[in-house]
Amino acid sequence: MSEKYRGHGYGKELLNYAINQFDLQNEIYVQTFDESVTEGKAARRLYVSFGFKDYKSGGLNPAGVNTVIMKLLKLHNINV
């Protein structure tokens, strides 16, 4: 997310909306930055706050940055 929009809760609203579009009986995964990537710490905190946990390596993204696949294990902060 662009820096000027960070810290306003937009990411939380977008993630909440996206999760609510899925059948919550199915598993939900996201691919994001590996914990070693400083620029991805805010995104990782957001996913963790919703109940996502690291699941497996996601390899390198097209920019050559390490990623991880996170799996939603239990629902937190979700407004249905």
N, C-alpha and C. Protein backbone atom coordinates (compact mmCIF):
# COMPACT_ATOMS: atom_id res chain seq x y z
N MET A 1 0.85 -1.17 0.00
CA MET A 1 0.00 0.00 0.00
C MET A 1 0.90 1.23 0.00
N SER A 2 0.52 2.23 -0.75
CA SER A 2 1.26 3.47 -0.82
C SER A 2 1.43 4.07 0.57
N GLU A 3 2.59 4.62 0.83
CA GLU A 3 2.90 5.12 2.17
C GLU A 3 1.91 6.18 2.66
N LYS A 4 1.39 7.00 1.76
CA LYS A 4 0.47 8.05 2.21
C LYS A 4 -0.86 7.49 2.74
N TYR A 5 -1.18 6.23 2.40
CA TYR A 5 -2.43 5.62 2.87
C TYR A 5 -2.22 4.68 4.04
N ARG A 6 -0.98 4.48 4.46
CA ARG A 6 -0.71 3.57 5.58
C ARG A 6 -1.12 4.20 6.90
N GLY A 7 -1.54 3.35 7.82
CA GLY A 7 -1.88 3.82 9.16
C GLY A 7 -3.30 4.36 9.30
N HIS A 8 -4.11 4.21 8.27
CA HIS A 8 -5.48 4.71 8.31
C HIS A 8 -6.52 3.60 8.43
N GLY A 9 -6.06 2.36 8.50
CA GLY A 9 -6.99 1.24 8.63
C GLY A 9 -7.52 0.70 7.31
N TYR A 10 -7.03 1.24 6.18
CA TYR A 10 -7.52 0.79 4.88
C TYR A 10 -7.17 -0.68 4.61
N GLY A 11 -5.96 -1.08 4.98
CA GLY A 11 -5.55 -2.46 4.78
C GLY A 11 -6.44 -3.42 5.55
N LYS A 12 -6.76 -3.05 6.78
CA LYS A 12 -7.63 -3.87 7.61
C LYS A 12 -9.02 -3.99 6.98
N GLU A 13 -9.54 -2.87 6.50
CA GLU A 13 -10.85 -2.88 5.85
C GLU A 13 -10.84 -3.74 4.59
N LEU A 14 -9.79 -3.59 3.78
CA LEU A 14 -9.70 -4.36 2.54
C LEU A 14 -9.57 -5.85 2.81
N LEU A 15 -8.72 -6.22 3.78
CA LEU A 15 -8.54 -7.63 4.09
C LEU A 15 -9.82 -8.22 4.66
N ASN A 16 -10.49 -7.48 5.53
CA ASN A 16 -11.75 -7.94 6.10
C ASN A 16 -12.77 -8.18 4.98
N TYR A 17 -12.87 -7.22 4.06
CA TYR A 17 -13.80 -7.36 2.94
C TYR A 17 -13.46 -8.59 2.09
N ALA A 18 -12.18 -8.75 1.77
CA ALA A 18 -11.75 -9.88 0.93
C ALA A 18 -12.07 -11.22 1.59
N ILE A 19 -11.77 -11.34 2.87
CA ILE A 19 -12.03 -12.60 3.57
C ILE A 19 -13.53 -12.91 3.58
N ASN A 20 -14.34 -11.88 3.73
CA ASN A 20 -15.79 -12.09 3.75
C ASN A 20 -16.36 -12.50 2.40
N GLN A 21 -15.58 -12.40 1.32
CA GLN A 21 -16.03 -12.84 0.00
C GLN A 21 -15.84 -14.34 -0.18
N PHE A 22 -15.04 -14.95 0.70
CA PHE A 22 -14.75 -16.38 0.61
C PHE A 22 -15.72 -17.21 1.43
N ASP A 23 -15.86 -18.46 1.05
CA ASP A 23 -16.58 -19.44 1.86
C ASP A 23 -15.64 -19.80 3.00
N LEU A 24 -15.98 -19.41 4.21
CA LEU A 24 -15.08 -19.60 5.35
C LEU A 24 -14.93 -21.06 5.76
N GLN A 25 -15.64 -21.96 5.07
CA GLN A 25 -15.43 -23.39 5.30
C GLN A 25 -14.18 -23.88 4.55
N ASN A 26 -13.71 -23.09 3.58
CA ASN A 26 -12.52 -23.43 2.81
C ASN A 26 -11.29 -22.78 3.43
N GLU A 27 -10.13 -23.35 3.14
CA GLU A 27 -8.88 -22.78 3.64
C GLU A 27 -8.55 -21.51 2.86
N ILE A 28 -7.97 -20.54 3.55
CA ILE A 28 -7.61 -19.27 2.94
C ILE A 28 -6.11 -19.07 3.12
N TYR A 29 -5.43 -18.73 2.02
CA TYR A 29 -3.99 -18.50 2.01
C TYR A 29 -3.69 -17.14 1.41
N VAL A 30 -2.59 -16.53 1.83
CA VAL A 30 -2.07 -15.32 1.21
C VAL A 30 -0.57 -15.51 1.00
N GLN A 31 -0.04 -14.82 0.01
CA GLN A 31 1.40 -14.80 -0.19
C GLN A 31 1.88 -13.40 0.10
N THR A 32 2.86 -13.29 0.97
CA THR A 32 3.37 -11.99 1.38
C THR A 32 4.87 -12.08 1.59
N PHE A 33 5.44 -11.02 2.08
CA PHE A 33 6.88 -10.97 2.31
C PHE A 33 7.30 -11.92 3.43
N ASP A 34 8.46 -12.51 3.27
CA ASP A 34 9.08 -13.31 4.31
C ASP A 34 9.42 -12.39 5.48
N GLU A 35 9.50 -12.95 6.68
CA GLU A 35 9.77 -12.13 7.87
C GLU A 35 11.12 -11.43 7.81
N SER A 36 12.01 -11.86 6.92
CA SER A 36 13.33 -11.21 6.80
C SER A 36 13.26 -9.90 6.01
N VAL A 37 12.13 -9.61 5.38
CA VAL A 37 11.98 -8.42 4.54
C VAL A 37 11.40 -7.28 5.38
N THR A 38 12.22 -6.31 5.68
CA THR A 38 11.81 -5.19 6.55
C THR A 38 10.59 -4.46 6.01
N GLU A 39 10.53 -4.24 4.71
CA GLU A 39 9.42 -3.49 4.11
C GLU A 39 8.09 -4.20 4.23
N GLY A 40 8.09 -5.50 4.53
CA GLY A 40 6.86 -6.25 4.62
C GLY A 40 6.34 -6.47 6.03
N LYS A 41 7.01 -5.89 7.01
CA LYS A 41 6.62 -6.14 8.41
C LYS A 41 5.20 -5.68 8.72
N ALA A 42 4.78 -4.54 8.20
CA ALA A 42 3.42 -4.04 8.47
C ALA A 42 2.37 -4.98 7.88
N ALA A 43 2.61 -5.45 6.66
CA ALA A 43 1.66 -6.39 6.03
C ALA A 43 1.59 -7.68 6.83
N ARG A 44 2.74 -8.19 7.25
CA ARG A 44 2.75 -9.42 8.04
C ARG A 44 2.00 -9.24 9.36
N ARG A 45 2.19 -8.10 10.02
CA ARG A 45 1.46 -7.83 11.28
C ARG A 45 -0.04 -7.85 11.04
N LEU A 46 -0.47 -7.26 9.93
CA LEU A 46 -1.89 -7.24 9.60
C LEU A 46 -2.41 -8.66 9.43
N TYR A 47 -1.72 -9.46 8.64
CA TYR A 47 -2.17 -10.84 8.42
C TYR A 47 -2.20 -11.62 9.73
N VAL A 48 -1.18 -11.48 10.54
CA VAL A 48 -1.13 -12.19 11.83
C VAL A 48 -2.28 -11.75 12.71
N SER A 49 -2.62 -10.45 12.69
CA SER A 49 -3.71 -9.95 13.53
C SER A 49 -5.06 -10.56 13.12
N PHE A 50 -5.16 -11.04 11.89
CA PHE A 50 -6.38 -11.69 11.41
C PHE A 50 -6.38 -13.19 11.67
N GLY A 51 -5.24 -13.72 12.11
CA GLY A 51 -5.17 -15.16 12.40
C GLY A 51 -4.36 -15.97 11.41
N PHE A 52 -3.64 -15.32 10.50
CA PHE A 52 -2.79 -16.03 9.55
C PHE A 52 -1.48 -16.43 10.23
N LYS A 53 -0.96 -17.58 9.84
CA LYS A 53 0.33 -18.08 10.33
C LYS A 53 1.15 -18.53 9.13
N ASP A 54 2.49 -18.43 9.24
CA ASP A 54 3.35 -18.92 8.17
C ASP A 54 3.05 -20.38 7.91
N TYR A 55 2.94 -20.74 6.64
CA TYR A 55 2.60 -22.11 6.25
C TYR A 55 3.78 -22.77 5.52
N LYS A 56 4.30 -22.07 4.50
CA LYS A 56 5.45 -22.60 3.77
C LYS A 56 6.10 -21.47 2.97
N SER A 57 7.30 -21.73 2.49
CA SER A 57 8.01 -20.75 1.68
C SER A 57 7.23 -20.46 0.41
N GLY A 58 7.23 -19.21 0.02
CA GLY A 58 6.60 -18.82 -1.23
C GLY A 58 7.62 -18.58 -2.33
N GLY A 59 8.90 -18.78 -2.01
CA GLY A 59 9.95 -18.55 -2.99
C GLY A 59 10.18 -17.07 -3.22
N LEU A 60 10.80 -16.77 -4.33
CA LEU A 60 11.08 -15.38 -4.67
C LEU A 60 9.96 -14.81 -5.53
N ASN A 61 9.60 -13.56 -5.27
CA ASN A 61 8.61 -12.90 -6.12
C ASN A 61 9.33 -12.40 -7.39
N PRO A 62 8.62 -11.81 -8.36
CA PRO A 62 9.28 -11.36 -9.59
C PRO A 62 10.41 -10.36 -9.37
N ALA A 63 10.38 -9.64 -8.26
CA ALA A 63 11.45 -8.69 -7.95
C ALA A 63 12.62 -9.36 -7.23
N GLY A 64 12.52 -10.67 -7.00
CA GLY A 64 13.61 -11.39 -6.33
C GLY A 64 13.57 -11.31 -4.82
N VAL A 65 12.42 -10.95 -4.25
CA VAL A 65 12.26 -10.80 -2.80
C VAL A 65 11.65 -12.08 -2.23
N ASN A 66 12.19 -12.53 -1.09
CA ASN A 66 11.68 -13.73 -0.43
C ASN A 66 10.23 -13.53 0.02
N THR A 67 9.40 -14.56 -0.24
CA THR A 67 8.01 -14.51 0.19
C THR A 67 7.67 -15.75 1.00
N VAL A 68 6.51 -15.72 1.61
CA VAL A 68 6.01 -16.83 2.40
C VAL A 68 4.51 -16.98 2.11
N ILE A 69 4.03 -18.20 2.18
CA ILE A 69 2.60 -18.46 2.10
C ILE A 69 2.09 -18.53 3.53
N MET A 70 1.07 -17.75 3.82
CA MET A 70 0.45 -17.75 5.15
C MET A 70 -0.94 -18.37 5.03
N LYS A 71 -1.33 -19.12 6.05
CA LYS A 71 -2.63 -19.79 6.07
C LYS A 71 -3.46 -19.22 7.21
N LEU A 72 -4.73 -18.95 6.95
CA LEU A 72 -5.64 -18.46 7.98
C LEU A 72 -6.02 -19.65 8.87
N LEU A 73 -5.58 -19.61 10.13
CA LEU A 73 -5.85 -20.72 11.04
C LEU A 73 -7.06 -20.48 11.90
N LYS A 74 -7.23 -19.27 12.38
CA LYS A 74 -8.42 -18.95 13.16
C LYS A 74 -8.76 -17.49 12.92
N LEU A 75 -10.03 -17.21 12.89
CA LEU A 75 -10.50 -15.86 12.54
C LEU A 75 -10.36 -14.91 13.72
N HIS A 76 -9.73 -13.76 13.43
CA HIS A 76 -9.61 -12.66 14.38
C HIS A 76 -9.96 -11.37 13.63
N ASN A 77 -10.45 -10.39 14.31
CA ASN A 77 -10.67 -9.06 13.73
C ASN A 77 -11.53 -9.06 12.48
N ILE A 78 -12.35 -10.08 12.27
CA ILE A 78 -13.17 -10.14 11.06
C ILE A 78 -14.61 -9.75 11.41
N ASN A 79 -15.10 -8.77 10.69
CA ASN A 79 -16.49 -8.33 10.86
C ASN A 79 -17.32 -8.95 9.77
N VAL A 80 -18.12 -9.93 10.12
CA VAL A 80 -18.94 -10.64 9.13
C VAL A 80 -20.23 -9.89 8.93
